[in-house]
Amino acid sequence: TGPWRAQIGAFSTEARAKAQYDNLGKTIPAVAQAQPYLVDAGRVTRLQIGPFASKAAADRACAAVKRAGNGCFSLKK
């Protein structure tokens, strides 16, 4: 638990965000072990995972996502 999350992307639909989470979760343990958060941001749905106890923990999850060729950044909820 904690106030930190890792944002993996922003998608045009909630279905695309869910599909990305499912896809990444198959190959990245840090994603599979985290809870997905689908955040409505108006015209996009943000895909975030977490919660993480610290920024460092969120950064480690992001590093794994980035190694797989995807964008990611940590943020405080």
PDB file of N, CA and C in Angstrom:
ATOM      1  N   THR A   1       0.840  -1.188   0.000  1.00  0.00           N
ATOM      2  CA  THR A   1       0.000   0.000   0.000  1.00  0.00           C
ATOM      3  C   THR A   1       0.876   1.241   0.000  1.00  0.00           C
ATOM      4  N   GLY A   2       0.306   2.349  -0.347  1.00  0.00           N
ATOM      5  CA  GLY A   2       1.039   3.604  -0.344  1.00  0.00           C
ATOM      6  C   GLY A   2       0.440   4.581  -1.335  1.00  0.00           C
ATOM      7  N   PRO A   3       0.998   5.782  -1.365  1.00  0.00           N
ATOM      8  CA  PRO A   3       0.426   6.842  -2.196  1.00  0.00           C
ATOM      9  C   PRO A   3       0.994   6.932  -3.608  1.00  0.00           C
ATOM     10  N   TRP A   4       1.890   6.022  -3.993  1.00  0.00           N
ATOM     11  CA  TRP A   4       2.558   6.145  -5.285  1.00  0.00           C
ATOM     12  C   TRP A   4       1.985   5.182  -6.317  1.00  0.00           C
ATOM     13  N   ARG A   5       1.971   5.646  -7.562  1.00  0.00           N
ATOM     14  CA  ARG A   5       1.543   4.833  -8.691  1.00  0.00           C
ATOM     15  C   ARG A   5       2.529   5.022  -9.835  1.00  0.00           C
ATOM     16  N   ALA A   6       2.460   4.127 -10.798  1.00  0.00           N
ATOM     17  CA  ALA A   6       3.221   4.246 -12.036  1.00  0.00           C
ATOM     18  C   ALA A   6       2.217   4.389 -13.167  1.00  0.00           C
ATOM     19  N   GLN A   7       2.367   5.424 -13.964  1.00  0.00           N
ATOM     20  CA  GLN A   7       1.464   5.617 -15.094  1.00  0.00           C
ATOM     21  C   GLN A   7       2.115   5.061 -16.354  1.00  0.00           C
ATOM     22  N   ILE A   8       1.422   4.130 -16.973  1.00  0.00           N
ATOM     23  CA  ILE A   8       1.940   3.433 -18.142  1.00  0.00           C
ATOM     24  C   ILE A   8       1.520   4.109 -19.439  1.00  0.00           C
ATOM     25  N   GLY A   9       0.412   4.800 -19.426  1.00  0.00           N
ATOM     26  CA  GLY A   9      -0.006   5.468 -20.661  1.00  0.00           C
ATOM     27  C   GLY A   9      -1.381   6.078 -20.538  1.00  0.00           C
ATOM     28  N   ALA A  10      -1.782   6.728 -21.614  1.00  0.00           N
ATOM     29  CA  ALA A  10      -3.119   7.299 -21.733  1.00  0.00           C
ATOM     30  C   ALA A  10      -3.703   6.785 -23.045  1.00  0.00           C
ATOM     31  N   PHE A  11      -4.940   6.328 -22.990  1.00  0.00           N
ATOM     32  CA  PHE A  11      -5.545   5.641 -24.123  1.00  0.00           C
ATOM     33  C   PHE A  11      -6.891   6.273 -24.478  1.00  0.00           C
ATOM     34  N   SER A  12      -7.263   6.115 -25.732  1.00  0.00           N
ATOM     35  CA  SER A  12      -8.500   6.739 -26.216  1.00  0.00           C
ATOM     36  C   SER A  12      -9.750   6.095 -25.631  1.00  0.00           C
ATOM     37  N   THR A  13      -9.639   4.844 -25.184  1.00  0.00           N
ATOM     38  CA  THR A  13     -10.787   4.170 -24.572  1.00  0.00           C
ATOM     39  C   THR A  13     -10.330   3.366 -23.361  1.00  0.00           C
ATOM     40  N   GLU A  14     -11.270   3.084 -22.488  1.00  0.00           N
ATOM     41  CA  GLU A  14     -10.986   2.258 -21.320  1.00  0.00           C
ATOM     42  C   GLU A  14     -10.606   0.842 -21.760  1.00  0.00           C
ATOM     43  N   ALA A  15     -11.245   0.347 -22.806  1.00  0.00           N
ATOM     44  CA  ALA A  15     -10.947  -0.998 -23.302  1.00  0.00           C
ATOM     45  C   ALA A  15      -9.491  -1.118 -23.755  1.00  0.00           C
ATOM     46  N   ARG A  16      -8.974  -0.090 -24.384  1.00  0.00           N
ATOM     47  CA  ARG A  16      -7.564  -0.122 -24.820  1.00  0.00           C
ATOM     48  C   ARG A  16      -6.618  -0.095 -23.618  1.00  0.00           C
ATOM     49  N   ALA A  17      -6.977   0.669 -22.609  1.00  0.00           N
ATOM     50  CA  ALA A  17      -6.157   0.716 -21.400  1.00  0.00           C
ATOM     51  C   ALA A  17      -6.146  -0.654 -20.723  1.00  0.00           C
ATOM     52  N   LYS A  18      -7.306  -1.298 -20.611  1.00  0.00           N
ATOM     53  CA  LYS A  18      -7.384  -2.631 -20.019  1.00  0.00           C
ATOM     54  C   LYS A  18      -6.566  -3.633 -20.829  1.00  0.00           C
ATOM     55  N   ALA A  19      -6.674  -3.551 -22.150  1.00  0.00           N
ATOM     56  CA  ALA A  19      -5.928  -4.469 -23.012  1.00  0.00           C
ATOM     57  C   ALA A  19      -4.421  -4.296 -22.825  1.00  0.00           C
ATOM     58  N   GLN A  20      -3.966  -3.056 -22.674  1.00  0.00           N
ATOM     59  CA  GLN A  20      -2.536  -2.811 -22.462  1.00  0.00           C
ATOM     60  C   GLN A  20      -2.081  -3.389 -21.126  1.00  0.00           C
ATOM     61  N   TYR A  21      -2.897  -3.217 -20.099  1.00  0.00           N
ATOM     62  CA  TYR A  21      -2.563  -3.794 -18.796  1.00  0.00           C
ATOM     63  C   TYR A  21      -2.448  -5.316 -18.908  1.00  0.00           C
ATOM     64  N   ASP A  22      -3.426  -5.940 -19.540  1.00  0.00           N
ATOM     65  CA  ASP A  22      -3.406  -7.395 -19.701  1.00  0.00           C
ATOM     66  C   ASP A  22      -2.183  -7.844 -20.494  1.00  0.00           C
ATOM     67  N   ASN A  23      -1.875  -7.134 -21.562  1.00  0.00           N
ATOM     68  CA  ASN A  23      -0.747  -7.484 -22.407  1.00  0.00           C
ATOM     69  C   ASN A  23       0.581  -7.364 -21.652  1.00  0.00           C
ATOM     70  N   LEU A  24       0.784  -6.247 -20.977  1.00  0.00           N
ATOM     71  CA  LEU A  24       2.034  -6.049 -20.237  1.00  0.00           C
ATOM     72  C   LEU A  24       2.151  -7.000 -19.050  1.00  0.00           C
ATOM     73  N   GLY A  25       1.016  -7.308 -18.430  1.00  0.00           N
ATOM     74  CA  GLY A  25       1.021  -8.206 -17.284  1.00  0.00           C
ATOM     75  C   GLY A  25       1.479  -9.613 -17.627  1.00  0.00           C
ATOM     76  N   LYS A  26       1.370  -9.992 -18.885  1.00  0.00           N
ATOM     77  CA  LYS A  26       1.811 -11.328 -19.309  1.00  0.00           C
ATOM     78  C   LYS A  26       3.326 -11.466 -19.304  1.00  0.00           C
ATOM     79  N   THR A  27       4.039 -10.357 -19.465  1.00  0.00           N
ATOM     80  CA  THR A  27       5.495 -10.438 -19.587  1.00  0.00           C
ATOM     81  C   THR A  27       6.262  -9.646 -18.526  1.00  0.00           C
ATOM     82  N   ILE A  28       5.587  -8.785 -17.788  1.00  0.00           N
ATOM     83  CA  ILE A  28       6.268  -7.946 -16.797  1.00  0.00           C
ATOM     84  C   ILE A  28       5.676  -8.232 -15.413  1.00  0.00           C
ATOM     85  N   PRO A  29       6.393  -8.959 -14.572  1.00  0.00           N
ATOM     86  CA  PRO A  29       5.863  -9.296 -13.247  1.00  0.00           C
ATOM     87  C   PRO A  29       5.437  -8.083 -12.420  1.00  0.00           C
ATOM     88  N   ALA A  30       6.163  -6.981 -12.527  1.00  0.00           N
ATOM     89  CA  ALA A  30       5.807  -5.780 -11.750  1.00  0.00           C
ATOM     90  C   ALA A  30       4.415  -5.278 -12.115  1.00  0.00           C
ATOM     91  N   VAL A  31       4.025  -5.453 -13.354  1.00  0.00           N
ATOM     92  CA  VAL A  31       2.686  -5.051 -13.786  1.00  0.00           C
ATOM     93  C   VAL A  31       1.657  -6.069 -13.299  1.00  0.00           C
ATOM     94  N   ALA A  32       1.947  -7.343 -13.483  1.00  0.00           N
ATOM     95  CA  ALA A  32       1.014  -8.399 -13.093  1.00  0.00           C
ATOM     96  C   ALA A  32       0.710  -8.378 -11.599  1.00  0.00           C
ATOM     97  N   GLN A  33       1.697  -7.993 -10.793  1.00  0.00           N
ATOM     98  CA  GLN A  33       1.525  -8.008  -9.344  1.00  0.00           C
ATOM     99  C   GLN A  33       0.865  -6.743  -8.804  1.00  0.00           C
ATOM    100  N   ALA A  34       0.732  -5.726  -9.638  1.00  0.00           N
ATOM    101  CA  ALA A  34       0.155  -4.455  -9.198  1.00  0.00           C
ATOM    102  C   ALA A  34      -1.328  -4.388  -9.572  1.00  0.00           C
ATOM    103  N   GLN A  35      -2.024  -3.554  -8.862  1.00  0.00           N
ATOM    104  CA  GLN A  35      -3.431  -3.318  -9.155  1.00  0.00           C
ATOM    105  C   GLN A  35      -3.539  -2.286 -10.265  1.00  0.00           C
ATOM    106  N   PRO A  36      -4.384  -2.511 -11.265  1.00  0.00           N
ATOM    107  CA  PRO A  36      -4.569  -1.493 -12.291  1.00  0.00           C
ATOM    108  C   PRO A  36      -5.550  -0.416 -11.817  1.00  0.00           C
ATOM    109  N   TYR A  37      -5.293   0.802 -12.230  1.00  0.00           N
ATOM    110  CA  TYR A  37      -6.207   1.920 -12.001  1.00  0.00           C
ATOM    111  C   TYR A  37      -6.486   2.531 -13.362  1.00  0.00           C
ATOM    112  N   LEU A  38      -7.752   2.605 -13.730  1.00  0.00           N
ATOM    113  CA  LEU A  38      -8.160   3.229 -14.986  1.00  0.00           C
ATOM    114  C   LEU A  38      -8.770   4.574 -14.625  1.00  0.00           C
ATOM    115  N   VAL A  39      -8.027   5.627 -14.908  1.00  0.00           N
ATOM    116  CA  VAL A  39      -8.396   6.968 -14.463  1.00  0.00           C
ATOM    117  C   VAL A  39      -8.982   7.742 -15.631  1.00  0.00           C
ATOM    118  N   ASP A  40     -10.247   8.113 -15.491  1.00  0.00           N
ATOM    119  CA  ASP A  40     -10.920   8.903 -16.535  1.00  0.00           C
ATOM    120  C   ASP A  40     -10.351  10.317 -16.506  1.00  0.00           C
ATOM    121  N   ALA A  41      -9.788  10.731 -17.625  1.00  0.00           N
ATOM    122  CA  ALA A  41      -9.202  12.071 -17.735  1.00  0.00           C
ATOM    123  C   ALA A  41      -9.836  12.818 -18.901  1.00  0.00           C
ATOM    124  N   GLY A  42     -11.136  12.719 -19.010  1.00  0.00           N
ATOM    125  CA  GLY A  42     -11.835  13.419 -20.088  1.00  0.00           C
ATOM    126  C   GLY A  42     -11.781  12.632 -21.379  1.00  0.00           C
ATOM    127  N   ARG A  43     -10.934  13.064 -22.297  1.00  0.00           N
ATOM    128  CA  ARG A  43     -10.859  12.434 -23.613  1.00  0.00           C
ATOM    129  C   ARG A  43      -9.987  11.186 -23.632  1.00  0.00           C
ATOM    130  N   VAL A  44      -9.297  10.914 -22.534  1.00  0.00           N
ATOM    131  CA  VAL A  44      -8.439   9.730 -22.453  1.00  0.00           C
ATOM    132  C   VAL A  44      -8.656   9.001 -21.129  1.00  0.00           C
ATOM    133  N   THR A  45      -8.235   7.749 -21.110  1.00  0.00           N
ATOM    134  CA  THR A  45      -8.209   6.958 -19.886  1.00  0.00           C
ATOM    135  C   THR A  45      -6.754   6.670 -19.562  1.00  0.00           C
ATOM    136  N   ARG A  46      -6.337   7.090 -18.400  1.00  0.00           N
ATOM    137  CA  ARG A  46      -4.951   6.867 -17.978  1.00  0.00           C
ATOM    138  C   ARG A  46      -4.840   5.496 -17.324  1.00  0.00           C
ATOM    139  N   LEU A  47      -3.826   4.747 -17.713  1.00  0.00           N
ATOM    140  CA  LEU A  47      -3.548   3.457 -17.099  1.00  0.00           C
ATOM    141  C   LEU A  47      -2.439   3.637 -16.079  1.00  0.00           C
ATOM    142  N   GLN A  48      -2.789   3.397 -14.827  1.00  0.00           N
ATOM    143  CA  GLN A  48      -1.823   3.479 -13.735  1.00  0.00           C
ATOM    144  C   GLN A  48      -1.828   2.151 -12.995  1.00  0.00           C
ATOM    145  N   ILE A  49      -0.690   1.823 -12.385  1.00  0.00           N
ATOM    146  CA  ILE A  49      -0.600   0.636 -11.550  1.00  0.00           C
ATOM    147  C   ILE A  49      -0.054   1.025 -10.190  1.00  0.00           C
ATOM    148  N   GLY A  50      -0.355   0.211  -9.205  1.00  0.00           N
ATOM    149  CA  GLY A  50       0.103   0.488  -7.864  1.00  0.00           C
ATOM    150  C   GLY A  50      -0.702  -0.331  -6.881  1.00  0.00           C
ATOM    151  N   PRO A  51      -0.851   0.100  -5.678  1.00  0.00           N
ATOM    152  CA  PRO A  51      -0.133   1.223  -5.076  1.00  0.00           C
ATOM    153  C   PRO A  51       1.275   0.811  -4.663  1.00  0.00           C
ATOM    154  N   PHE A  52       2.140   1.794  -4.580  1.00  0.00           N
ATOM    155  CA  PHE A  52       3.516   1.575  -4.149  1.00  0.00           C
ATOM    156  C   PHE A  52       3.786   2.418  -2.917  1.00  0.00           C
ATOM    157  N   ALA A  53       4.579   1.878  -2.009  1.00  0.00           N
ATOM    158  CA  ALA A  53       4.853   2.558  -0.745  1.00  0.00           C
ATOM    159  C   ALA A  53       5.766   3.762  -0.905  1.00  0.00           C
ATOM    160  N   SER A  54       6.568   3.773  -1.966  1.00  0.00           N
ATOM    161  CA  SER A  54       7.530   4.860  -2.134  1.00  0.00           C
ATOM    162  C   SER A  54       7.708   5.188  -3.614  1.00  0.00           C
ATOM    163  N   LYS A  55       8.272   6.342  -3.856  1.00  0.00           N
ATOM    164  CA  LYS A  55       8.593   6.731  -5.229  1.00  0.00           C
ATOM    165  C   LYS A  55       9.597   5.756  -5.822  1.00  0.00           C
ATOM    166  N   ALA A  56      10.542   5.316  -5.015  1.00  0.00           N
ATOM    167  CA  ALA A  56      11.551   4.370  -5.496  1.00  0.00           C
ATOM    168  C   ALA A  56      10.906   3.074  -5.985  1.00  0.00           C
ATOM    169  N   ALA A  57       9.907   2.595  -5.264  1.00  0.00           N
ATOM    170  CA  ALA A  57       9.218   1.366  -5.679  1.00  0.00           C
ATOM    171  C   ALA A  57       8.463   1.582  -6.988  1.00  0.00           C
ATOM    172  N   ALA A  58       7.813   2.731  -7.124  1.00  0.00           N
ATOM    173  CA  ALA A  58       7.113   3.053  -8.382  1.00  0.00           C
ATOM    174  C   ALA A  58       8.116   3.197  -9.519  1.00  0.00           C
ATOM    175  N   ASP A  59       9.255   3.796  -9.231  1.00  0.00           N
ATOM    176  CA  ASP A  59      10.305   3.939 -10.249  1.00  0.00           C
ATOM    177  C   ASP A  59      10.845   2.585 -10.707  1.00  0.00           C
ATOM    178  N   ARG A  60      10.954   1.637  -9.784  1.00  0.00           N
ATOM    179  CA  ARG A  60      11.423   0.297 -10.156  1.00  0.00           C
ATOM    180  C   ARG A  60      10.424  -0.381 -11.089  1.00  0.00           C
ATOM    181  N   ALA A  61       9.137  -0.227 -10.804  1.00  0.00           N
ATOM    182  CA  ALA A  61       8.110  -0.785 -11.694  1.00  0.00           C
ATOM    183  C   ALA A  61       8.198  -0.120 -13.061  1.00  0.00           C
ATOM    184  N   CYS A  62       8.382   1.193 -13.079  1.00  0.00           N
ATOM    185  CA  CYS A  62       8.519   1.914 -14.347  1.00  0.00           C
ATOM    186  C   CYS A  62       9.740   1.442 -15.122  1.00  0.00           C
ATOM    187  N   ALA A  63      10.828   1.184 -14.427  1.00  0.00           N
ATOM    188  CA  ALA A  63      12.037   0.718 -15.111  1.00  0.00           C
ATOM    189  C   ALA A  63      11.760  -0.588 -15.844  1.00  0.00           C
ATOM    190  N   ALA A  64      11.004  -1.483 -15.238  1.00  0.00           N
ATOM    191  CA  ALA A  64      10.665  -2.748 -15.882  1.00  0.00           C
ATOM    192  C   ALA A  64       9.782  -2.506 -17.109  1.00  0.00           C
ATOM    193  N   VAL A  65       8.840  -1.598 -16.982  1.00  0.00           N
ATOM    194  CA  VAL A  65       7.956  -1.265 -18.109  1.00  0.00           C
ATOM    195  C   VAL A  65       8.766  -0.638 -19.241  1.00  0.00           C
ATOM    196  N   LYS A  66       9.685   0.247 -18.900  1.00  0.00           N
ATOM    197  CA  LYS A  66      10.516   0.912 -19.913  1.00  0.00           C
ATOM    198  C   LYS A  66      11.445  -0.070 -20.623  1.00  0.00           C
ATOM    199  N   ARG A  67      11.974  -1.041 -19.869  1.00  0.00           N
ATOM    200  CA  ARG A  67      12.834  -2.055 -20.497  1.00  0.00           C
ATOM    201  C   ARG A  67      12.072  -2.829 -21.568  1.00  0.00           C
ATOM    202  N   ALA A  68      10.769  -2.927 -21.425  1.00  0.00           N
ATOM    203  CA  ALA A  68       9.936  -3.625 -22.405  1.00  0.00           C
ATOM    204  C   ALA A  68       9.536  -2.709 -23.570  1.00  0.00           C
ATOM    205  N   GLY A  69      10.045  -1.460 -23.545  1.00  0.00           N
ATOM    206  CA  GLY A  69       9.807  -0.553 -24.658  1.00  0.00           C
ATOM    207  C   GLY A  69       8.596   0.344 -24.534  1.00  0.00           C
ATOM    208  N   ASN A  70       8.089   0.491 -23.326  1.00  0.00           N
ATOM    209  CA  ASN A  70       6.911   1.337 -23.100  1.00  0.00           C
ATOM    210  C   ASN A  70       7.281   2.535 -22.242  1.00  0.00           C
ATOM    211  N   GLY A  71       6.486   3.576 -22.361  1.00  0.00           N
ATOM    212  CA  GLY A  71       6.682   4.742 -21.523  1.00  0.00           C
ATOM    213  C   GLY A  71       6.112   4.517 -20.127  1.00  0.00           C
ATOM    214  N   CYS A  72       6.630   5.260 -19.168  1.00  0.00           N
ATOM    215  CA  CYS A  72       6.142   5.125 -17.794  1.00  0.00           C
ATOM    216  C   CYS A  72       6.734   6.252 -16.962  1.00  0.00           C
ATOM    217  N   PHE A  73       5.970   6.724 -15.992  1.00  0.00           N
ATOM    218  CA  PHE A  73       6.488   7.649 -14.994  1.00  0.00           C
ATOM    219  C   PHE A  73       5.751   7.445 -13.687  1.00  0.00           C
ATOM    220  N   SER A  74       6.405   7.798 -12.584  1.00  0.00           N
ATOM    221  CA  SER A  74       5.791   7.640 -11.272  1.00  0.00           C
ATOM    222  C   SER A  74       5.084   8.926 -10.880  1.00  0.00           C
ATOM    223  N   LEU A  75       4.045   8.763 -10.068  1.00  0.00           N
ATOM    224  CA  LEU A  75       3.298   9.924  -9.581  1.00  0.00           C
ATOM    225  C   LEU A  75       2.703   9.608  -8.221  1.00  0.00           C
ATOM    226  N   LYS A  76       2.492  10.661  -7.457  1.00  0.00           N
ATOM    227  CA  LYS A  76       1.877  10.505  -6.141  1.00  0.00           C
ATOM    228  C   LYS A  76       0.374  10.691  -6.282  1.00  0.00           C
ATOM    229  N   LYS A  77      -0.363   9.769  -5.726  1.00  0.00           N
ATOM    230  CA  LYS A  77      -1.830   9.783  -5.830  1.00  0.00           C
ATOM    231  C   LYS A  77      -2.421  10.971  -5.116  1.00  0.00           C
TER     232      LYS A  77
END
